[in-house]
Amino acid sequence: MRYGSLGGLFVGAWIGVLPLAAHADYLSNAQAALQKGDLKAAQLDLRNAVRADPQNGEAHYWLGKVSLELGDPVATEREAVAARDRGFDPHLAIPLLAQSLLSQGKFDALLESIKPAGKDSSLDSAIMVIRGYAQMGLKQPEEAQKSFLEAEQIAPNAVEPLLAESRLALSRGDLNAAQAKIDQALSLQPKSLEALLAKAEVLRLKGDAIGALSVLDELVAEQPATIQGRLERAGLEIAVNKMDAAKADIDAVLKATPGNVQATYLRAQMKAQSQDFKGANADLDLIAAFLPRIPRGYYLQALVKERIGQIEQAEDAAQRYLGRAPNDLAAYNVLARIQLTRHRPDQVIETLARVAESGKGDAETYDLLGRAYAATNQGPEAVKAFQKAETLAPTDIGLQTRLASVRMGLGQADAARGELEHTLELAPKLPSVAEALFFASLATGDLNKAADAIAKIRAAQGETPMVQNLEGLLKLAQLDVGGAREVFAAIGEKSPDFVPAQANLARTMAMQGQQADAEKLLAEILAKQPAAEPALSLLAATYAQSQRLPQALALLQRAHQAEPSNSRITVSLGDLYIRNGNPQKALELADTDKTGAGSEPLLGLRAAAQLAAGQKDKARETYSEVLKADPTQLGARRQLVSLLVAAGDVEQARNVVKAGMVA
């Protein structure tokens, strides 16, 4: 009996220890997960720890802390209350509870539930600081100031009240007062991490990045294990383009705390600044759940997604960011760029009109607005927008060229010519500007102005093949085909690799009835440069129009082999396959071109090939994709409507037509 009773006692004792041992294991596992930066795993272990020992305040505290990091302040509030009520260290539990309430905007609830007890001066001072932050949230700066002063009186040697007063000064835009409070805090505790970080922040806000870096350099030298110090320094190093130094700090943080969200975000920012947008996107994907909590997280995501061609995701991120930061001009420009890429100029106008009306737009704002007006055939409005952009960026060549283009579209050739003469002065060696000036002058109908333009271009660029080619084009405009041919032939002798003149020589041959000689010359050009334009388009069109499809196919196949990523050549070749009765070849071609996958031209080719192959269901889906990418594609809309009607889906066809009316 005695042994039996003892055995029962031992078993009971062992069972009683189980929850404590399990609790210890769960906490240990959670700490290990936190060291690796795996917050989800830590949260799971901490939940198990709470279930194993519901009365353990430490487990509740850590679960609340991890929940806050995971963006769940409601759960944090619950766990912080549980930790406090179970006697866990109030110096930790109460600040955590305060953080959860502040994150939820529960300022009144905080003031009601968190009050000093008069038993612990250190804790009471911290509570008065917390209450001051809640009063700031309630837009009660005077009350907040009183709370911070009371906290300072309770604990005269504490830096937290002084740093809180610094925050209050920052909220008023008083940087000098903020710095004075920080300096006062540092006089009490010269090595205070929080005070040094605050000083660096104020210096950064003052535009003194070098001074801020100096503070952080000293901090990291004194406290090399500081995570936040390295993170703040990395952010500044990125801002001043010290990428190697930033990488070293980020790597050190990630080595100490793998998966650190802020470090991963900074790494993404650094990669984006270095044009590694795919790498930046991969990093942002790792911390996608935390982007809502990062002040400019969605902004960076929008920029990165835009650059890697994920346009829908880019637009969504830009919209989310503007929902949180409606006064950020740069974000409006990003959203407008994305909308322009999606062929929605109407949305660009809607996005930027209010910015323009406020007078806060920059050159890019008005440039984007001008392009949108031009795309919606609002020429006069486009000119006004481009002119405004030009006043803000008077040396922007592309901007002035676009303004001239709009003027040309409005029939204002003389005005366009004037714009381009000014542009030529800014970029005297740029061939595209020279050619635009010549053609604008030609469009005036006054050939003397065209000759004058050539003289100005020659003075700026010298006797180049391009200038001589313009001389030949002027002779063509003067109906002097023979003279033009002589000019183009002379260019060919001196500069045989200048394809535009060779192609123009072939044109003059054809105009003089020497078609065979013209084709021979174009073929010789393409034998050397299979994808050379305009020779390729000229000869391929000649073959196709004269029913020589095999020769046209061979020509485009060689060009595609030479430039497989050239989607224009891919589409031209695919169209010829369809015309030649081989839509399957066109489908294979569209599917193998990965560089332009998802682009409207390739989607259009795929849809046409599917239709020619009798795959009407797939063609409907693909035409829908085309319209999703570019709602202004009338040909695709007509085909989709026709396919829907043929399938008996008249209602959907009607919806497609309605959508086209507002596109």
Foldseek 3Di string as FASTA:
>chain_A
DVVVVVVVVVVVVVVVCVLVVLLVVLCVQLVVCQQQVNLVSNLVSLVVSCVSPVLALVSLLVNLVSCVVLPNLVSNLVSLVSSVVSPHDCVRSVVSNLVSCVVVLVLVVLVVPQADPPPDLLSRLVSLQSNLVSCVSVVNNVSSLVSLVVSCVSPVLALSSLQSVLVSCVVVVNLVSSLVSLVVNCVSPVLDPVSLQSNLVSCVVVVNLVVSLVSLVVNCVVVVPDLVSLLVNLVSCLVVVVLVSSVVSLVSNCVRGPNPLSSLQSVLVSCVVVVNLVSSQVSCVSCVSCQVVDLCSLVSVLVSCVVVVVLVSNLVSLVVNCVVVVPDQVSLLSNLVSCVQLANLVVNCVSLVVVVVVVNHALSSLLSNLVSCVSVVVLVSSLVSLVVSCVRPVLDLVSLQVSLVSCVVVVNLVVSLVSLVSSCVSVLADLVSLVSNLVSQVSVVDLVSSVVSLVSSCVSHNDDLSSLLSVLVSCVVVVNLVVSLVSLVVSCVVPVLPPVSLLVNLVSCVVVVNNVVSLVSLVVNCVVPLQDPPSLVVNLVVCVVVVNLVVSLVSLVVNCVVPVQPVVSLLVNLVSCLVVVRLVVNLVSLVVNPNQPLPLSSLVSNLVSCVSVVVLVVSLVSLVSNCSSHVQPPVSLVSNLVSCVVVVNNVVSVVSVVSSVVD
